Amino acid sequence: MSLASMTGFARVQSQAENVRWTWELRAVNGKGLDIRVRLPGGIEALEPLVRDRCAKLLKRGNVTAGLSVQRDNVDVPLTINEKALEAVLSAAALLRERMPDLPPPSIDGLLAQKGVFELKETEPDEAAQKNLHQAMLTSLDGALLDLVDMRHAEGAALGRVLQGHIARIAELTRSAEDMPARQPEAIRARLAAQVEVLLEASKHQLDPQRLHQEAAILATKADIREELDRLAAHVDAVRELLASGGAIGRRLDFLAQEFNREANTLCSKSNDVELTAIGLELKTVIDQMREQIQNLE
């Protein structure tokens, strides 16, 4: 499976008879999958179907699916409301009886009376509506595939960036492993020199045996063997996840936190300038890697 980012955009336009519509899909980063559907009036019944289609193809991200619909002008029959017309004519006749000088009602006057003429739109055919809704869902499927393709393209680019970061982390881990200051002889010599300074400063009043024990404890605390082993294990785990693909963003984010924990411990245990510099660069690369991981599905 390939990697996918959580960001993307897709727009699809379609038409059936006198109806034209446009789907717009937008996706941004999110902790989980949050789908928001915006449909025009009269098509609300499609919302659960839209959500279901989105959920089948997308695992994470804040997704907005919007539909806009335009209907072309169609001929609408003009009909006469006989009852309303009779009522208007009766009223006009009554007025002329009382006021003989009034002119007879004109066609314009009759048209101006509310309810005399009616524009009757035909009721939508149920089968036609069903076919229209199905056509809209089919075009949504196309838009979703476009969105998925875009997210996969961005995911592939992110994967290459993450491979570079993990290669740098592995390189820094090996550099820390090979540091001369980590060799037992170097640690022993450094501690011996520090003990000698303490003995001279205290005029030999300190117990050499106790100093030896304390030095051994300090040497154990300063050992970063476990941190280096865990860093190497995390490198292997990240490479396996990147190779497997799929929705691995959360697992990678957890490993990024583990990387950061080991780098912090390495810096705190370091008693060498060069080793501290490696630890600080590790933290920088890990932060950069985690920033990219936040975009993965």
Protein backbone atom coordinates (compact mmCIF):
# COMPACT_ATOMS: atom_id res chain seq x y z
CA MET A 1 0.00 0.00 0.00
CA SER A 2 1.16 3.52 -0.73
CA LEU A 3 1.36 6.43 1.67
CA ALA A 4 -1.27 9.17 1.59
CA SER A 5 -1.28 12.68 2.93
CA MET A 6 -4.36 14.13 4.60
CA THR A 7 -4.56 17.20 2.35
CA GLY A 8 -6.11 17.36 -1.11
CA PHE A 9 -8.71 18.92 -3.38
CA ALA A 10 -10.97 17.61 -6.14
CA ARG A 11 -13.65 19.22 -8.31
CA VAL A 12 -15.97 17.39 -10.73
CA GLN A 13 -18.75 18.84 -12.90
CA SER A 14 -21.55 16.72 -14.39
CA GLN A 15 -24.87 17.14 -16.17
CA ALA A 16 -28.03 15.15 -16.77
CA GLU A 17 -30.85 16.55 -18.94
CA ASN A 18 -31.64 20.04 -17.60
CA VAL A 19 -29.63 19.72 -14.36
CA ARG A 20 -25.97 20.60 -13.89
CA TRP A 21 -24.04 20.01 -10.68
CA THR A 22 -20.55 20.36 -9.23
CA TRP A 23 -18.87 18.39 -6.45
CA GLU A 24 -16.01 20.03 -4.53
CA LEU A 25 -13.99 17.97 -2.04
CA ARG A 26 -11.46 19.50 0.32
CA ALA A 27 -9.34 17.64 2.85
CA VAL A 28 -6.94 18.96 5.50
CA ASN A 29 -5.11 17.48 8.47
CA GLY A 30 -7.11 16.04 11.36
CA LYS A 31 -6.68 13.71 14.31
CA GLY A 32 -9.39 11.38 13.00
CA LEU A 33 -11.85 11.32 10.11
CA ASP A 34 -14.30 14.24 10.25
CA ILE A 35 -16.66 14.45 7.25
CA ARG A 36 -18.78 17.54 6.63
CA VAL A 37 -21.42 17.41 3.90
CA ARG A 38 -23.03 20.48 2.33
CA LEU A 39 -26.02 19.76 0.10
CA PRO A 40 -28.66 22.08 -1.42
CA GLY A 41 -32.30 21.87 -0.36
CA GLY A 42 -34.21 18.89 -1.59
CA ILE A 43 -31.17 16.60 -1.79
CA GLU A 44 -30.56 16.12 1.94
CA ALA A 45 -31.39 12.42 1.63
CA LEU A 46 -28.02 11.88 -0.06
CA GLU A 47 -26.01 12.89 3.03
CA PRO A 48 -25.64 9.44 4.64
CA LEU A 49 -24.67 7.96 1.27
CA VAL A 50 -22.07 10.69 0.76
CA ARG A 51 -20.60 10.05 4.21
CA ASP A 52 -20.47 6.32 3.58
CA ARG A 53 -18.61 6.75 0.28
CA CYS A 54 -16.07 9.11 1.86
CA ALA A 55 -15.45 6.82 4.83
CA LYS A 56 -14.74 3.83 2.57
CA LEU A 57 -11.82 5.58 0.86
CA LEU A 58 -10.47 7.96 3.51
CA LYS A 59 -9.12 7.07 6.96
CA ARG A 60 -8.05 10.40 8.46
CA GLY A 61 -8.48 14.11 7.85
CA ASN A 62 -11.10 16.84 8.00
CA VAL A 63 -13.05 16.39 4.77
CA THR A 64 -15.67 18.75 3.32
CA ALA A 65 -17.92 17.49 0.51
CA GLY A 66 -19.97 20.25 -1.13
CA LEU A 67 -22.56 19.98 -3.91
CA SER A 68 -23.95 22.87 -5.97
CA VAL A 69 -26.84 22.34 -8.39
CA GLN A 70 -28.17 24.47 -11.27
CA ARG A 71 -31.33 23.75 -13.22
CA ASP A 72 -31.84 25.07 -16.74
CA ASN A 73 -35.00 27.06 -17.55
CA VAL A 74 -37.82 24.85 -18.75
CA ASP A 75 -41.24 25.71 -20.21
CA VAL A 76 -43.84 25.93 -17.46
CA PRO A 77 -47.54 25.77 -18.57
CA LEU A 78 -49.73 28.82 -17.87
CA THR A 79 -53.21 27.93 -16.64
CA ILE A 80 -56.35 29.92 -15.80
CA ASN A 81 -57.93 29.57 -12.42
CA GLU A 82 -61.58 29.51 -13.48
CA LYS A 83 -62.95 30.17 -10.00
CA ALA A 84 -60.66 33.12 -9.43
CA LEU A 85 -61.51 34.55 -12.86
CA GLU A 86 -65.27 34.25 -12.23
CA ALA A 87 -64.85 35.96 -8.87
CA VAL A 88 -62.93 38.87 -10.46
CA LEU A 89 -65.50 39.24 -13.29
CA SER A 90 -68.39 39.15 -10.83
CA ALA A 91 -66.74 41.85 -8.74
CA ALA A 92 -66.16 43.96 -11.86
CA ALA A 93 -69.80 43.57 -12.94
CA LEU A 94 -71.00 44.59 -9.48
CA LEU A 95 -68.83 47.70 -9.57
CA ARG A 96 -70.17 48.70 -13.01
CA GLU A 97 -73.72 48.37 -11.76
CA ARG A 98 -72.97 50.82 -9.00
CA MET A 99 -70.70 53.00 -11.13
CA PRO A 100 -71.85 52.76 -14.79
CA ASP A 101 -69.12 55.10 -16.00
CA LEU A 102 -66.38 52.61 -15.15
CA PRO A 103 -64.72 51.02 -18.22
CA PRO A 104 -64.96 47.26 -18.66
CA PRO A 105 -62.04 45.23 -17.20
CA SER A 106 -59.03 44.88 -19.51
CA ILE A 107 -56.87 41.84 -20.07
CA ASP A 108 -53.96 43.61 -18.36
CA GLY A 109 -56.17 44.27 -15.38
CA LEU A 110 -57.24 40.65 -15.18
CA LEU A 111 -53.61 39.47 -15.42
CA ALA A 112 -52.70 41.74 -12.53
CA GLN A 113 -55.18 40.00 -10.24
CA LYS A 114 -53.48 37.48 -8.03
CA GLY A 115 -54.60 33.91 -8.60
CA VAL A 116 -56.27 34.37 -12.01
CA PHE A 117 -53.31 32.97 -13.94
CA GLU A 118 -51.07 30.27 -12.46
CA LEU A 119 -47.71 28.79 -13.44
CA LYS A 120 -47.95 25.13 -12.58
CA GLU A 121 -44.68 23.25 -12.37
CA THR A 122 -44.98 19.56 -12.94
CA GLU A 123 -44.27 17.33 -9.98
CA PRO A 124 -40.86 15.64 -10.24
CA ASP A 125 -41.04 12.09 -11.43
CA GLU A 126 -39.88 9.69 -8.69
CA ALA A 127 -37.94 7.47 -11.08
CA ALA A 128 -36.28 10.50 -12.69
CA GLN A 129 -35.27 11.85 -9.28
CA LYS A 130 -33.81 8.49 -8.33
CA ASN A 131 -31.78 8.37 -11.54
CA LEU A 132 -30.59 11.93 -10.98
CA HIS A 133 -29.44 11.17 -7.44
CA GLN A 134 -27.62 8.06 -8.65
CA ALA A 135 -25.86 10.11 -11.32
CA MET A 136 -24.80 12.61 -8.66
CA LEU A 137 -23.38 9.82 -6.50
CA THR A 138 -21.53 8.35 -9.46
CA SER A 139 -19.84 11.69 -10.13
CA LEU A 140 -19.02 11.91 -6.40
CA ASP A 141 -17.20 8.59 -6.73
CA GLY A 142 -15.10 10.12 -9.49
CA ALA A 143 -14.29 13.15 -7.36
CA LEU A 144 -13.28 10.91 -4.46
CA LEU A 145 -10.90 8.94 -6.69
CA ASP A 146 -9.32 12.22 -7.83
CA LEU A 147 -8.94 13.28 -4.20
CA VAL A 148 -7.36 9.94 -3.26
CA ASP A 149 -4.94 10.17 -6.20
CA MET A 150 -3.85 13.64 -5.10
CA ARG A 151 -3.38 12.51 -1.49
CA HIS A 152 -1.32 9.52 -2.63
CA ALA A 153 0.88 11.71 -4.82
CA GLU A 154 1.58 14.00 -1.86
CA GLY A 155 2.06 10.94 0.36
CA ALA A 156 4.75 9.59 -1.97
CA ALA A 157 6.59 12.91 -1.77
CA LEU A 158 6.30 12.89 2.03
CA GLY A 159 7.63 9.32 2.09
CA ARG A 160 10.80 10.39 0.26
CA VAL A 161 11.31 13.25 2.71
CA LEU A 162 10.83 10.93 5.69
CA GLN A 163 13.27 8.41 4.24
CA GLY A 164 15.85 11.19 4.16
CA HIS A 165 15.16 12.13 7.77
CA ILE A 166 15.36 8.55 9.01
CA ALA A 167 18.63 8.02 7.11
CA ARG A 168 20.09 11.06 8.86
CA ILE A 169 18.92 9.80 12.26
CA ALA A 170 20.57 6.43 11.57
CA GLU A 171 23.78 8.21 10.55
CA LEU A 172 23.83 10.32 13.71
CA THR A 173 23.15 7.23 15.83
CA ARG A 174 26.17 5.48 14.28
CA SER A 175 28.28 8.59 14.86
CA ALA A 176 27.34 8.58 18.54
CA GLU A 177 28.13 4.86 18.67
CA ASP A 178 31.62 5.44 17.26
CA MET A 179 32.48 8.47 19.41
CA PRO A 180 35.94 7.99 20.98
CA ALA A 181 34.62 9.58 24.18
CA ARG A 182 32.29 6.56 24.61
CA GLN A 183 35.09 4.00 24.70
CA PRO A 184 35.69 2.42 28.13
CA GLU A 185 39.33 3.54 28.15
CA ALA A 186 38.35 7.16 27.52
CA ILE A 187 35.67 7.05 30.24
CA ARG A 188 38.09 5.45 32.69
CA ALA A 189 40.81 8.01 31.99
CA ARG A 190 38.41 10.93 32.33
CA LEU A 191 37.03 9.67 35.63
CA ALA A 192 40.53 8.95 36.93
CA ALA A 193 41.56 12.51 36.15
CA GLN A 194 38.49 13.87 37.93
CA VAL A 195 39.17 11.68 40.97
CA GLU A 196 42.79 12.86 41.04
CA VAL A 197 41.62 16.48 41.06
CA LEU A 198 39.24 15.75 43.93
CA LEU A 199 41.94 14.00 45.95
CA GLU A 200 44.35 16.87 45.48
CA ALA A 201 41.71 19.45 46.41
CA SER A 202 40.69 17.59 49.54
CA LYS A 203 44.30 16.88 50.62
CA HIS A 204 43.69 13.12 50.46
CA GLN A 205 40.96 13.22 53.08
CA LEU A 206 38.47 11.39 50.78
CA ASP A 207 38.22 7.62 50.84
CA PRO A 208 39.70 6.36 47.53
CA GLN A 209 37.55 3.21 47.69
CA ARG A 210 34.37 5.28 48.09
CA LEU A 211 35.48 7.52 45.25
CA HIS A 212 35.99 4.45 43.09
CA GLN A 213 32.46 3.25 43.84
CA GLU A 214 30.94 6.65 43.09
CA ALA A 215 32.91 6.87 39.86
CA ALA A 216 31.59 3.48 38.82
CA ILE A 217 28.02 4.63 39.52
CA LEU A 218 28.53 7.80 37.50
CA ALA A 219 29.99 5.82 34.63
CA THR A 220 26.95 3.54 34.63
CA LYS A 221 24.56 6.48 34.64
CA ALA A 222 26.46 8.12 31.79
CA ASP A 223 26.30 5.02 29.59
CA ILE A 224 24.06 5.57 26.54
CA ARG A 225 24.14 2.00 25.24
CA GLU A 226 20.40 1.51 25.80
CA GLU A 227 19.49 4.81 24.15
CA LEU A 228 21.55 3.96 21.07
CA ASP A 229 20.00 0.50 20.84
CA ARG A 230 16.48 1.94 21.09
CA LEU A 231 17.24 4.62 18.49
CA ALA A 232 18.45 1.91 16.09
CA ALA A 233 15.31 -0.17 16.79
CA HIS A 234 13.08 2.83 16.13
CA VAL A 235 14.88 3.47 12.83
CA ASP A 236 14.12 -0.10 11.73
CA ALA A 237 10.47 0.26 12.84
CA VAL A 238 9.98 3.47 10.85
CA ARG A 239 11.51 1.93 7.74
CA GLU A 240 9.20 -1.08 8.02
CA LEU A 241 6.15 1.17 8.36
CA LEU A 242 7.17 3.31 5.39
CA ALA A 243 7.62 0.15 3.33
CA SER A 244 4.21 -1.23 4.35
CA GLY A 245 2.36 2.03 3.57
CA GLY A 246 -1.29 2.63 4.36
CA ALA A 247 -2.67 4.77 7.17
CA ILE A 248 0.46 4.79 9.36
CA GLY A 249 0.49 8.44 10.46
CA ARG A 250 -0.48 7.79 14.08
CA ARG A 251 2.07 5.02 14.55
CA LEU A 252 4.81 7.15 13.03
CA ASP A 253 3.85 10.01 15.31
CA PHE A 254 4.22 7.72 18.33
CA LEU A 255 7.67 6.63 17.13
CA ALA A 256 8.66 10.27 16.63
CA GLN A 257 7.83 10.87 20.30
CA GLU A 258 10.00 7.87 21.25
CA PHE A 259 12.85 9.20 19.12
CA ASN A 260 12.62 12.53 20.90
CA ARG A 261 12.65 10.85 24.32
CA GLU A 262 15.84 8.93 23.52
CA ALA A 263 17.52 12.05 22.10
CA ASN A 264 16.68 14.00 25.27
CA THR A 265 18.12 11.25 27.45
CA LEU A 266 21.26 11.07 25.33
CA CYS A 267 21.81 14.82 25.76
CA SER A 268 21.23 14.65 29.51
CA LYS A 269 23.72 11.78 29.92
CA SER A 270 26.36 13.25 27.65
CA ASN A 271 29.62 14.32 29.23
CA ASP A 272 31.30 15.20 25.94
CA VAL A 273 30.85 18.27 23.75
CA GLU A 274 30.79 16.34 20.49
CA LEU A 275 28.27 13.82 21.79
CA THR A 276 26.04 16.67 22.99
CA ALA A 277 26.23 18.24 19.53
CA ILE A 278 25.09 14.94 18.00
CA GLY A 279 22.20 14.77 20.45
CA LEU A 280 21.08 18.30 19.60
CA GLU A 281 21.20 17.61 15.87
CA LEU A 282 19.21 14.45 16.47
CA LYS A 283 16.51 16.53 18.16
CA THR A 284 16.45 18.94 15.20
CA VAL A 285 16.05 16.18 12.62
CA ILE A 286 13.40 14.43 14.74
CA ASP A 287 11.39 17.66 14.99
CA GLN A 288 11.58 18.08 11.22
CA MET A 289 10.49 14.49 10.70
CA ARG A 290 7.57 14.81 13.11
CA GLU A 291 6.38 17.97 11.33
CA GLN A 292 6.11 15.98 8.09
CA ILE A 293 4.48 13.03 9.84
CA GLN A 294 1.62 15.30 10.94
CA ASN A 295 0.54 15.46 7.26
CA LEU A 296 0.27 11.69 6.79
CA GLU A 297 -2.99 9.79 6.89
